C-alpha atoms as a PDB file:
ATOM      1  CA  UNK A   1     130.143  77.084  96.457  1.00  0.00           C
ATOM      2  CA  UNK A   2     127.912  74.530  98.174  1.00  0.00           C
ATOM      3  CA  UNK A   3     127.313  72.761  94.891  1.00  0.00           C
ATOM      4  CA  UNK A   4     130.986  71.851  94.454  1.00  0.00           C
ATOM      5  CA  UNK A   5     131.306  70.463  97.993  1.00  0.00           C
ATOM      6  CA  UNK A   6     128.461  68.021  97.426  1.00  0.00           C
ATOM      7  CA  UNK A   7     129.691  66.858  94.036  1.00  0.00           C
ATOM      8  CA  UNK A   8     133.289  66.395  95.142  1.00  0.00           C
ATOM      9  CA  UNK A   9     132.046  63.902  97.721  1.00  0.00           C
ATOM     10  CA  UNK A  10     130.914  61.733  94.818  1.00  0.00           C
ATOM     11  CA  UNK A  11     134.525  61.386  93.689  1.00  0.00           C
ATOM     12  CA  UNK A  12     135.588  60.064  97.080  1.00  0.00           C
ATOM     13  CA  UNK A  13     132.834  57.665  98.066  1.00  0.00           C
ATOM     14  CA  UNK A  14     131.787  54.486  96.293  1.00  0.00           C
ATOM     15  CA  UNK A  15     128.310  55.118  94.921  1.00  0.00           C
ATOM     16  CA  UNK A  16     125.742  52.409  94.135  1.00  0.00           C
ATOM     17  CA  UNK A  17     123.075  52.856  91.452  1.00  0.00           C
ATOM     18  CA  UNK A  18     120.343  53.469  94.068  1.00  0.00           C
ATOM     19  CA  UNK A  19     122.547  56.002  95.852  1.00  0.00           C
ATOM     20  CA  UNK A  20     123.057  57.800  92.554  1.00  0.00           C
ATOM     21  CA  UNK A  21     119.294  58.369  92.358  1.00  0.00           C
ATOM     22  CA  UNK A  22     119.337  59.972  95.815  1.00  0.00           C
ATOM     23  CA  UNK A  23     122.333  62.147  94.934  1.00  0.00           C
ATOM     24  CA  UNK A  24     120.709  63.418  91.756  1.00  0.00           C
ATOM     25  CA  UNK A  25     117.377  64.069  93.452  1.00  0.00           C
ATOM     26  CA  UNK A  26     119.276  66.073  96.091  1.00  0.00           C
ATOM     27  CA  UNK A  27     120.971  67.949  93.279  1.00  0.00           C
ATOM     28  CA  UNK A  28     117.575  69.189  92.076  1.00  0.00           C
ATOM     29  CA  UNK A  29     117.470  71.284  95.249  1.00  0.00           C
ATOM     30  CA  UNK A  30     121.098  72.358  94.958  1.00  0.00           C
ATOM     31  CA  UNK A  31     120.808  73.379  91.316  1.00  0.00           C
ATOM     32  CA  UNK A  32     119.559  76.843  92.295  1.00  0.00           C
ATOM     33  CA  UNK A  33     123.251  77.618  92.836  1.00  0.00           C
ATOM     34  CA  UNK A  34     123.592  77.589  89.039  1.00  0.00           C
ATOM     35  CA  UNK A  35     122.270  80.757  87.336  1.00  0.00           C
ATOM     36  CA  UNK A  36     118.748  80.170  86.036  1.00  0.00           C
ATOM     37  CA  UNK A  37     119.620  81.713  82.707  1.00  0.00           C
ATOM     38  CA  UNK A  38     122.529  79.314  82.315  1.00  0.00           C
ATOM     39  CA  UNK A  39     120.303  76.683  80.720  1.00  0.00           C
ATOM     40  CA  UNK A  40     118.839  77.109  77.265  1.00  0.00           C
ATOM     41  CA  UNK A  41     116.242  74.725  75.844  1.00  0.00           C
ATOM     42  CA  UNK A  42     115.420  75.090  72.164  1.00  0.00           C
ATOM     43  CA  UNK A  43     112.636  73.307  70.309  1.00  0.00           C
ATOM     44  CA  UNK A  44     112.214  72.634  66.620  1.00  0.00           C
ATOM     45  CA  UNK A  45     109.832  70.527  64.590  1.00  0.00           C
ATOM     46  CA  UNK A  46     109.231  69.802  60.928  1.00  0.00           C
ATOM     47  CA  UNK A  47     106.237  72.155  60.798  1.00  0.00           C
ATOM     48  CA  UNK A  48     108.277  75.090  62.080  1.00  0.00           C
ATOM     49  CA  UNK A  49     110.991  74.437  59.522  1.00  0.00           C
ATOM     50  CA  UNK A  50     114.747  74.100  59.887  1.00  0.00           C
ATOM     51  CA  UNK A  51     115.463  77.799  60.376  1.00  0.00           C
ATOM     52  CA  UNK A  52     112.822  78.441  63.041  1.00  0.00           C
ATOM     53  CA  UNK A  53     113.910  77.508  66.550  1.00  0.00           C
ATOM     54  CA  UNK A  54     111.706  78.215  69.577  1.00  0.00           C
ATOM     55  CA  UNK A  55     113.197  78.778  73.039  1.00  0.00           C
ATOM     56  CA  UNK A  56     111.345  76.901  75.791  1.00  0.00           C
ATOM     57  CA  UNK A  57     112.150  78.469  79.143  1.00  0.00           C
ATOM     58  CA  UNK A  58     112.903  76.198  82.083  1.00  0.00           C
ATOM     59  CA  UNK A  59     109.744  76.245  84.222  1.00  0.00           C
ATOM     60  CA  UNK A  60     107.524  77.141  81.262  1.00  0.00           C
ATOM     61  CA  UNK A  61     107.502  73.751  79.556  1.00  0.00           C
ATOM     62  CA  UNK A  62     103.749  74.110  78.945  1.00  0.00           C
ATOM     63  CA  UNK A  63     104.574  76.502  76.097  1.00  0.00           C
ATOM     64  CA  UNK A  64     105.906  73.582  74.074  1.00  0.00           C
ATOM     65  CA  UNK A  65     102.303  72.533  73.408  1.00  0.00           C
ATOM     66  CA  UNK A  66     101.852  75.523  71.087  1.00  0.00           C
ATOM     67  CA  UNK A  67     104.127  73.801  68.601  1.00  0.00           C
ATOM     68  CA  UNK A  68     103.892  70.121  69.563  1.00  0.00           C
ATOM     69  CA  UNK A  69     103.446  67.420  66.916  1.00  0.00           C
ATOM     70  CA  UNK A  70     101.916  64.202  68.179  1.00  0.00           C
ATOM     71  CA  UNK A  71     103.109  60.639  67.579  1.00  0.00           C
ATOM     72  CA  UNK A  72     106.734  61.054  66.531  1.00  0.00           C
ATOM     73  CA  UNK A  73     110.053  60.393  68.290  1.00  0.00           C
ATOM     74  CA  UNK A  74     111.611  63.275  70.205  1.00  0.00           C
ATOM     75  CA  UNK A  75     115.359  63.880  69.870  1.00  0.00           C
ATOM     76  CA  UNK A  76     117.038  65.649  72.799  1.00  0.00           C
ATOM     77  CA  UNK A  77     120.662  66.685  72.286  1.00  0.00           C
ATOM     78  CA  UNK A  78     123.318  68.197  74.563  1.00  0.00           C
ATOM     79  CA  UNK A  79     126.778  69.597  73.919  1.00  0.00           C
ATOM     80  CA  UNK A  80     130.069  69.175  75.774  1.00  0.00           C
ATOM     81  CA  UNK A  81     132.165  71.293  78.141  1.00  0.00           C
ATOM     82  CA  UNK A  82     134.209  73.088  75.498  1.00  0.00           C
ATOM     83  CA  UNK A  83     131.483  75.568  74.533  1.00  0.00           C
ATOM     84  CA  UNK A  84     129.468  78.119  76.489  1.00  0.00           C
ATOM     85  CA  UNK A  85     125.765  78.854  76.185  1.00  0.00           C
ATOM     86  CA  UNK A  86     126.354  81.912  74.022  1.00  0.00           C
ATOM     87  CA  UNK A  87     129.434  80.755  72.148  1.00  0.00           C
ATOM     88  CA  UNK A  88     129.666  80.995  68.379  1.00  0.00           C
ATOM     89  CA  UNK A  89     130.090  77.228  68.043  1.00  0.00           C
ATOM     90  CA  UNK A  90     126.952  76.535  70.068  1.00  0.00           C
ATOM     91  CA  UNK A  91     124.925  78.946  67.967  1.00  0.00           C
ATOM     92  CA  UNK A  92     126.229  77.140  64.916  1.00  0.00           C
ATOM     93  CA  UNK A  93     125.259  73.808  66.472  1.00  0.00           C
ATOM     94  CA  UNK A  94     121.667  74.970  66.795  1.00  0.00           C
ATOM     95  CA  UNK A  95     121.544  75.007  63.014  1.00  0.00           C
ATOM     96  CA  UNK A  96     123.646  71.851  62.671  1.00  0.00           C
ATOM     97  CA  UNK A  97     121.729  69.553  65.016  1.00  0.00           C
ATOM     98  CA  UNK A  98     118.292  70.178  63.467  1.00  0.00           C
ATOM     99  CA  UNK A  99     119.388  68.005  60.571  1.00  0.00           C
ATOM    100  CA  UNK A 100     117.726  65.299  62.682  1.00  0.00           C
ATOM    101  CA  UNK A 101     114.395  66.898  61.767  1.00  0.00           C
ATOM    102  CA  UNK A 102     114.839  65.385  58.335  1.00  0.00           C
ATOM    103  CA  UNK A 103     114.215  62.020  59.986  1.00  0.00           C
ATOM    104  CA  UNK A 104     112.260  63.083  63.087  1.00  0.00           C
ATOM    105  CA  UNK A 105     109.368  65.487  63.515  1.00  0.00           C
ATOM    106  CA  UNK A 106     110.612  66.886  66.831  1.00  0.00           C
ATOM    107  CA  UNK A 107     113.913  68.033  68.279  1.00  0.00           C
ATOM    108  CA  UNK A 108     114.969  69.680  71.538  1.00  0.00           C
ATOM    109  CA  UNK A 109     118.434  71.185  71.814  1.00  0.00           C
ATOM    110  CA  UNK A 110     119.776  71.783  75.315  1.00  0.00           C
ATOM    111  CA  UNK A 111     122.554  74.328  75.830  1.00  0.00           C
ATOM    112  CA  UNK A 112     124.248  73.786  79.178  1.00  0.00           C
ATOM    113  CA  UNK A 113     126.344  76.071  81.425  1.00  0.00           C
ATOM    114  CA  UNK A 114     129.484  73.911  81.555  1.00  0.00           C
ATOM    115  CA  UNK A 115     131.697  76.988  81.350  1.00  0.00           C
ATOM    116  CA  UNK A 116     131.168  78.278  84.868  1.00  0.00           C
ATOM    117  CA  UNK A 117     134.908  77.815  85.125  1.00  0.00           C
ATOM    118  CA  UNK A 118     137.714  77.575  82.622  1.00  0.00           C
ATOM    119  CA  UNK A 119     139.051  74.555  84.522  1.00  0.00           C
ATOM    120  CA  UNK A 120     137.721  71.175  83.396  1.00  0.00           C
ATOM    121  CA  UNK A 121     137.184  69.501  86.828  1.00  0.00           C
ATOM    122  CA  UNK A 122     134.446  71.957  87.845  1.00  0.00           C
ATOM    123  CA  UNK A 123     132.313  71.397  84.732  1.00  0.00           C
ATOM    124  CA  UNK A 124     132.878  67.640  85.193  1.00  0.00           C
ATOM    125  CA  UNK A 125     131.657  67.896  88.791  1.00  0.00           C
ATOM    126  CA  UNK A 126     128.583  69.781  87.587  1.00  0.00           C
ATOM    127  CA  UNK A 127     127.372  66.734  85.645  1.00  0.00           C
ATOM    128  CA  UNK A 128     125.071  65.630  88.476  1.00  0.00           C
ATOM    129  CA  UNK A 129     123.218  68.921  89.099  1.00  0.00           C
ATOM    130  CA  UNK A 130     123.066  69.630  85.368  1.00  0.00           C
ATOM    131  CA  UNK A 131     121.543  66.191  84.764  1.00  0.00           C
ATOM    132  CA  UNK A 132     118.990  66.984  87.468  1.00  0.00           C
ATOM    133  CA  UNK A 133     117.868  70.048  85.514  1.00  0.00           C
ATOM    134  CA  UNK A 134     117.574  68.046  82.298  1.00  0.00           C
ATOM    135  CA  UNK A 135     115.651  65.295  84.113  1.00  0.00           C
ATOM    136  CA  UNK A 136     113.231  67.805  85.648  1.00  0.00           C
ATOM    137  CA  UNK A 137     112.707  69.509  82.287  1.00  0.00           C
ATOM    138  CA  UNK A 138     112.200  66.199  80.498  1.00  0.00           C
ATOM    139  CA  UNK A 139     109.810  64.848  83.120  1.00  0.00           C
ATOM    140  CA  UNK A 140     107.701  67.991  82.780  1.00  0.00           C
ATOM    141  CA  UNK A 141     107.657  67.598  78.996  1.00  0.00           C
ATOM    142  CA  UNK A 142     106.613  63.949  79.389  1.00  0.00           C
ATOM    143  CA  UNK A 143     103.823  64.891  81.825  1.00  0.00           C
ATOM    144  CA  UNK A 144     102.567  67.726  79.619  1.00  0.00           C
ATOM    145  CA  UNK A 145     102.760  66.018  76.221  1.00  0.00           C
ATOM    146  CA  UNK A 146     102.114  62.420  77.341  1.00  0.00           C
ATOM    147  CA  UNK A 147     104.895  61.224  75.054  1.00  0.00           C
ATOM    148  CA  UNK A 148     105.979  57.637  75.651  1.00  0.00           C
ATOM    149  CA  UNK A 149     109.501  57.383  77.085  1.00  0.00           C
ATOM    150  CA  UNK A 150     110.254  54.758  74.448  1.00  0.00           C
ATOM    151  CA  UNK A 151     109.780  57.503  71.849  1.00  0.00           C
ATOM    152  CA  UNK A 152     112.530  59.667  73.354  1.00  0.00           C
ATOM    153  CA  UNK A 153     116.021  59.517  71.844  1.00  0.00           C
ATOM    154  CA  UNK A 154     118.869  61.151  73.780  1.00  0.00           C
ATOM    155  CA  UNK A 155     122.056  62.299  72.029  1.00  0.00           C
ATOM    156  CA  UNK A 156     124.892  63.530  74.243  1.00  0.00           C
ATOM    157  CA  UNK A 157     128.279  64.939  73.269  1.00  0.00           C
ATOM    158  CA  UNK A 158     131.257  64.724  75.637  1.00  0.00           C
ATOM    159  CA  UNK A 159     130.186  65.632  79.170  1.00  0.00           C
ATOM    160  CA  UNK A 160     126.644  65.804  77.812  1.00  0.00           C
ATOM    161  CA  UNK A 161     126.649  62.026  77.323  1.00  0.00           C
ATOM    162  CA  UNK A 162     127.304  61.437  81.037  1.00  0.00           C
ATOM    163  CA  UNK A 163     124.732  64.089  81.984  1.00  0.00           C
ATOM    164  CA  UNK A 164     122.067  62.316  79.938  1.00  0.00           C
ATOM    165  CA  UNK A 165     123.003  58.985  81.493  1.00  0.00           C
ATOM    166  CA  UNK A 166     122.583  60.432  84.994  1.00  0.00           C
ATOM    167  CA  UNK A 167     119.381  62.153  83.898  1.00  0.00           C
ATOM    168  CA  UNK A 168     117.928  58.776  82.952  1.00  0.00           C
ATOM    169  CA  UNK A 169     118.589  57.435  86.468  1.00  0.00           C
ATOM    170  CA  UNK A 170     116.038  59.932  87.790  1.00  0.00           C
ATOM    171  CA  UNK A 171     113.524  59.179  85.056  1.00  0.00           C
ATOM    172  CA  UNK A 172     113.839  55.454  85.777  1.00  0.00           C
ATOM    173  CA  UNK A 173     111.665  56.008  88.826  1.00  0.00           C
ATOM    174  CA  UNK A 174     108.895  55.642  86.239  1.00  0.00           C
ATOM    175  CA  UNK A 175     110.185  52.110  85.552  1.00  0.00           C
ATOM    176  CA  UNK A 176     110.466  52.848  81.835  1.00  0.00           C
ATOM    177  CA  UNK A 177     113.529  53.489  79.716  1.00  0.00           C
ATOM    178  CA  UNK A 178     114.163  55.894  76.870  1.00  0.00           C
ATOM    179  CA  UNK A 179     114.525  53.852  73.703  1.00  0.00           C
ATOM    180  CA  UNK A 180     117.886  55.219  72.594  1.00  0.00           C
ATOM    181  CA  UNK A 181     120.866  57.053  74.073  1.00  0.00           C
ATOM    182  CA  UNK A 182     123.647  58.006  71.662  1.00  0.00           C
ATOM    183  CA  UNK A 183     127.023  58.959  73.138  1.00  0.00           C
ATOM    184  CA  UNK A 184     129.272  61.083  70.937  1.00  0.00           C
ATOM    185  CA  UNK A 185     132.796  60.756  72.324  1.00  0.00           C
ATOM    186  CA  UNK A 186     131.786  60.593  75.986  1.00  0.00           C
ATOM    187  CA  UNK A 187     134.195  62.508  78.220  1.00  0.00           C
ATOM    188  CA  UNK A 188     137.072  60.618  79.835  1.00  0.00           C
ATOM    189  CA  UNK A 189     138.774  63.021  82.294  1.00  0.00           C
ATOM    190  CA  UNK A 190     136.975  63.126  85.625  1.00  0.00           C
ATOM    191  CA  UNK A 191     135.116  59.888  84.835  1.00  0.00           C
ATOM    192  CA  UNK A 192     137.408  57.096  83.647  1.00  0.00           C
ATOM    193  CA  UNK A 193     139.614  57.139  86.739  1.00  0.00           C
ATOM    194  CA  UNK A 194     136.608  57.373  89.055  1.00  0.00           C
ATOM    195  CA  UNK A 195     134.606  54.451  87.711  1.00  0.00           C
ATOM    196  CA  UNK A 196     132.177  53.299  90.407  1.00  0.00           C
ATOM    197  CA  UNK A 197     132.663  56.509  92.378  1.00  0.00           C
ATOM    198  CA  UNK A 198     130.940  59.074  90.170  1.00  0.00           C
ATOM    199  CA  UNK A 199     127.774  58.726  88.039  1.00  0.00           C
ATOM    200  CA  UNK A 200     128.612  58.119  84.406  1.00  0.00           C
ATOM    201  CA  UNK A 201     127.146  56.711  81.236  1.00  0.00           C
ATOM    202  CA  UNK A 202     126.477  52.974  81.117  1.00  0.00           C
ATOM    203  CA  UNK A 203     124.485  50.413  79.139  1.00  0.00           C
ATOM    204  CA  UNK A 204     121.815  50.585  81.874  1.00  0.00           C
ATOM    205  CA  UNK A 205     120.772  54.088  80.834  1.00  0.00           C
ATOM    206  CA  UNK A 206     118.513  53.225  77.874  1.00  0.00           C
ATOM    207  CA  UNK A 207     117.094  50.232  76.043  1.00  0.00           C
ATOM    208  CA  UNK A 208     119.933  50.765  73.566  1.00  0.00           C
ATOM    209  CA  UNK A 209     123.093  52.760  74.295  1.00  0.00           C
ATOM    210  CA  UNK A 210     125.134  53.461  71.163  1.00  0.00           C
ATOM    211  CA  UNK A 211     128.612  55.011  71.531  1.00  0.00           C
ATOM    212  CA  UNK A 212     131.007  56.604  69.052  1.00  0.00           C
ATOM    213  CA  UNK A 213     134.628  57.131  70.151  1.00  0.00           C
ATOM    214  CA  UNK A 214     137.000  59.572  68.433  1.00  0.00           C
ATOM    215  CA  UNK A 215     139.404  61.035  71.016  1.00  0.00           C
ATOM    216  CA  UNK A 216     140.851  58.405  73.338  1.00  0.00           C
ATOM    217  CA  UNK A 217     144.000  59.605  75.000  1.00  0.00           C
ATOM    218  CA  UNK A 218     142.866  63.230  75.205  1.00  0.00           C
ATOM    219  CA  UNK A 219     139.306  64.128  76.199  1.00  0.00           C
ATOM    220  CA  UNK A 220     137.531  60.883  75.284  1.00  0.00           C
ATOM    221  CA  UNK A 221     136.576  57.822  77.332  1.00  0.00           C
ATOM    222  CA  UNK A 222     138.896  54.963  76.371  1.00  0.00           C
ATOM    223  CA  UNK A 223     136.749  51.929  77.234  1.00  0.00           C
ATOM    224  CA  UNK A 224     133.468  50.528  75.969  1.00  0.00           C
ATOM    225  CA  UNK A 225     130.423  52.123  77.588  1.00  0.00           C
ATOM    226  CA  UNK A 226     127.303  50.992  75.754  1.00  0.00           C
ATOM    227  CA  UNK A 227     125.601  48.028  74.163  1.00  0.00           C
ATOM    228  CA  UNK A 228     127.614  48.839  71.053  1.00  0.00           C
ATOM    229  CA  UNK A 229     130.767  50.964  70.754  1.00  0.00           C
ATOM    230  CA  UNK A 230     132.192  52.239  67.476  1.00  0.00           C
ATOM    231  CA  UNK A 231     135.863  53.238  67.369  1.00  0.00           C
ATOM    232  CA  UNK A 232     136.362  55.469  64.335  1.00  0.00           C
ATOM    233  CA  UNK A 233     139.983  55.286  63.190  1.00  0.00           C
ATOM    234  CA  UNK A 234     140.665  53.329  66.361  1.00  0.00           C
ATOM    235  CA  UNK A 235     138.733  55.851  68.445  1.00  0.00           C
ATOM    236  CA  UNK A 236     141.990  57.693  69.023  1.00  0.00           C
ATOM    237  CA  UNK A 237     143.181  61.266  68.728  1.00  0.00           C
ATOM    238  CA  UNK A 238     144.303  62.688  66.448  1.00  0.00           C
ATOM    239  CA  UNK A 239     141.595  61.859  63.906  1.00  0.00           C
ATOM    240  CA  UNK A 240     142.286  62.378  60.168  1.00  0.00           C
ATOM    241  CA  UNK A 241     142.745  66.079  59.361  1.00  0.00           C
ATOM    242  CA  UNK A 242     143.455  66.733  63.074  1.00  0.00           C
ATOM    243  CA  UNK A 243     147.104  65.732  62.805  1.00  0.00           C
ATOM    244  CA  UNK A 244     148.710  69.156  62.593  1.00  0.00           C
ATOM    245  CA  UNK A 245     150.835  69.761  65.702  1.00  0.00           C
ATOM    246  CA  UNK A 246     149.665  73.374  65.873  1.00  0.00           C
ATOM    247  CA  UNK A 247     146.019  72.393  65.506  1.00  0.00           C
ATOM    248  CA  UNK A 248     146.357  69.576  68.028  1.00  0.00           C
ATOM    249  CA  UNK A 249     148.094  71.687  70.684  1.00  0.00           C
ATOM    250  CA  UNK A 250     145.885  74.753  70.290  1.00  0.00           C
ATOM    251  CA  UNK A 251     142.570  72.914  70.001  1.00  0.00           C
ATOM    252  CA  UNK A 252     141.995  72.566  73.744  1.00  0.00           C
ATOM    253  CA  UNK A 253     143.420  69.089  74.246  1.00  0.00           C
ATOM    254  CA  UNK A 254     142.214  67.619  70.986  1.00  0.00           C
ATOM    255  CA  UNK A 255     138.858  69.262  70.327  1.00  0.00           C
ATOM    256  CA  UNK A 256     139.239  68.625  66.600  1.00  0.00           C
ATOM    257  CA  UNK A 257     139.106  64.880  67.275  1.00  0.00           C
ATOM    258  CA  UNK A 258     136.458  65.370  69.960  1.00  0.00           C
ATOM    259  CA  UNK A 259     134.141  67.174  67.525  1.00  0.00           C
ATOM    260  CA  UNK A 260     134.659  64.500  64.900  1.00  0.00           C
ATOM    261  CA  UNK A 261     132.141  62.250  66.684  1.00  0.00           C
ATOM    262  CA  UNK A 262     129.438  64.883  66.131  1.00  0.00           C
ATOM    263  CA  UNK A 263     130.482  65.347  62.508  1.00  0.00           C
ATOM    264  CA  UNK A 264     130.361  61.599  61.887  1.00  0.00           C
ATOM    265  CA  UNK A 265     126.899  61.271  63.399  1.00  0.00           C
ATOM    266  CA  UNK A 266     125.513  64.126  61.315  1.00  0.00           C
ATOM    267  CA  UNK A 267     127.205  62.679  58.234  1.00  0.00           C
ATOM    268  CA  UNK A 268     125.367  59.412  58.905  1.00  0.00           C
ATOM    269  CA  UNK A 269     122.069  61.300  58.632  1.00  0.00           C
ATOM    270  CA  UNK A 270     122.891  62.982  55.330  1.00  0.00           C
ATOM    271  CA  UNK A 271     124.666  59.920  53.897  1.00  0.00           C
ATOM    272  CA  UNK A 272     122.556  57.062  55.170  1.00  0.00           C
ATOM    273  CA  UNK A 273     124.076  53.630  55.817  1.00  0.00           C
ATOM    274  CA  UNK A 274     127.471  54.748  54.557  1.00  0.00           C
ATOM    275  CA  UNK A 275     129.629  54.330  57.686  1.00  0.00           C
ATOM    276  CA  UNK A 276     130.184  50.622  58.276  1.00  0.00           C
ATOM    277  CA  UNK A 277     132.006  49.214  61.284  1.00  0.00           C
ATOM    278  CA  UNK A 278     133.445  45.714  61.591  1.00  0.00           C
ATOM    279  CA  UNK A 279     133.127  43.668  64.771  1.00  0.00           C
ATOM    280  CA  UNK A 280     136.629  43.093  66.087  1.00  0.00           C
ATOM    281  CA  UNK A 281     138.484  42.483  69.337  1.00  0.00           C
ATOM    282  CA  UNK A 282     140.972  45.319  68.816  1.00  0.00           C
ATOM    283  CA  UNK A 283     142.104  48.110  66.497  1.00  0.00           C
ATOM    284  CA  UNK A 284     145.344  46.246  65.802  1.00  0.00           C
ATOM    285  CA  UNK A 285     143.449  43.127  64.708  1.00  0.00           C
ATOM    286  CA  UNK A 286     141.232  45.288  62.502  1.00  0.00           C
ATOM    287  CA  UNK A 287     144.252  46.923  60.836  1.00  0.00           C
ATOM    288  CA  UNK A 288     145.845  43.484  60.323  1.00  0.00           C
ATOM    289  CA  UNK A 289     142.714  42.320  58.438  1.00  0.00           C
ATOM    290  CA  UNK A 290     141.974  39.637  61.032  1.00  0.00           C
ATOM    291  CA  UNK A 291     138.290  40.574  61.203  1.00  0.00           C
ATOM    292  CA  UNK A 292     137.333  40.807  57.507  1.00  0.00           C
ATOM    293  CA  UNK A 293     134.727  38.040  57.767  1.00  0.00           C
ATOM    294  CA  UNK A 294     133.216  39.300  61.036  1.00  0.00           C
ATOM    295  CA  UNK A 295     129.742  40.875  61.320  1.00  0.00           C
ATOM    296  CA  UNK A 296     129.336  44.512  60.294  1.00  0.00           C
ATOM    297  CA  UNK A 297     127.039  47.295  61.513  1.00  0.00           C
ATOM    298  CA  UNK A 298     126.106  50.782  60.378  1.00  0.00           C
ATOM    299  CA  UNK A 299     127.543  53.519  62.584  1.00  0.00           C
ATOM    300  CA  UNK A 300     125.465  56.571  63.468  1.00  0.00           C
ATOM    301  CA  UNK A 301     121.809  57.154  62.776  1.00  0.00           C
ATOM    302  CA  UNK A 302     121.153  53.723  61.244  1.00  0.00           C
ATOM    303  CA  UNK A 303     122.769  51.563  63.934  1.00  0.00           C
ATOM    304  CA  UNK A 304     120.482  48.618  64.669  1.00  0.00           C
ATOM    305  CA  UNK A 305     119.812  47.572  68.300  1.00  0.00           C
ATOM    306  CA  UNK A 306     120.928  44.072  67.339  1.00  0.00           C
ATOM    307  CA  UNK A 307     124.516  45.354  67.059  1.00  0.00           C
ATOM    308  CA  UNK A 308     126.488  44.439  70.159  1.00  0.00           C
ATOM    309  CA  UNK A 309     130.126  44.773  71.184  1.00  0.00           C
ATOM    310  CA  UNK A 310     133.003  46.731  69.667  1.00  0.00           C
ATOM    311  CA  UNK A 311     133.208  47.808  66.022  1.00  0.00           C
ATOM    312  CA  UNK A 312     136.057  49.491  64.152  1.00  0.00           C
ATOM    313  CA  UNK A 313     136.255  51.474  60.927  1.00  0.00           C
ATOM    314  CA  UNK A 314     138.438  53.881  58.984  1.00  0.00           C
ATOM    315  CA  UNK A 315     137.048  57.138  57.629  1.00  0.00           C
ATOM    316  CA  UNK A 316     137.905  59.825  55.119  1.00  0.00           C
ATOM    317  CA  UNK A 317     139.326  63.166  56.255  1.00  0.00           C
ATOM    318  CA  UNK A 318     136.063  65.051  55.677  1.00  0.00           C
ATOM    319  CA  UNK A 319     132.407  64.545  54.772  1.00  0.00           C
ATOM    320  CA  UNK A 320     131.328  62.300  53.196  1.00  0.00           C
ATOM    321  CA  UNK A 321     133.420  60.265  55.619  1.00  0.00           C
ATOM    322  CA  UNK A 322     132.716  56.778  54.260  1.00  0.00           C
ATOM    323  CA  UNK A 323     135.595  54.791  52.768  1.00  0.00           C
ATOM    324  CA  UNK A 324     133.259  52.113  51.414  1.00  0.00           C
END
């Protein structure tokens, strides 16, 4: 119960960036209130093969050296609040996310205990202590493997995007930034209305913060968050093929559209340079063809750090999603 009291204070008090560091460091101590077996860290590399995933227990990060491959970027991914550690969808994601191994020699999947409550506000409040666990785990991996922080790519889905952003605040004590943080439909509820009062994802959290929006108006963050923000089909729910009233109402406030960000990112790995966004001031201007001559950028895995601002695109209903 203590953990919720501390986090709720963050919603009520204006919090500066330096104060966020202190709050998260304090949360490292408080995190013992979360069951130790609530966190699952899974490791995969190209030598092990796509079907072979190794669990790395929190506190036993040294065991990662048995399978470590030197001199390649490390991808660390997290999921959102709508799945539990042992849920069917998370187990499926363990086999879905390793598609990044086709373009990276190393991958760590983090399964988080968001579902300590069926009510959304509690998992949202847990972002700070959860990020403290990820930061501690990642710092240990960095110390053990000597990997350069610039070789670490963070990919967060929903609440996971905010957790990774807060995690980076702790790591910044090293005065180095991870090279890339990808946000896949960062969560809106519990964050958007508390901007400046609760730690959340921002462009300060990595050398390049790349955001994909697919569920504004339901569970997604409505505003720009990163160096570049892509708004697929306007970034709004419902996304194509999520338009059924029954599906929309029964899918936990638009999870079909929420998951689309993950599906688009994975599609960008299998179908390279196929999803192309157009720089534009608004979705309405994009639909009215007012931005046809504006700069374009690849969305997903091949987004270049030179891309800045807001980009819009339309997609197909299913993979391959490109309309180009």
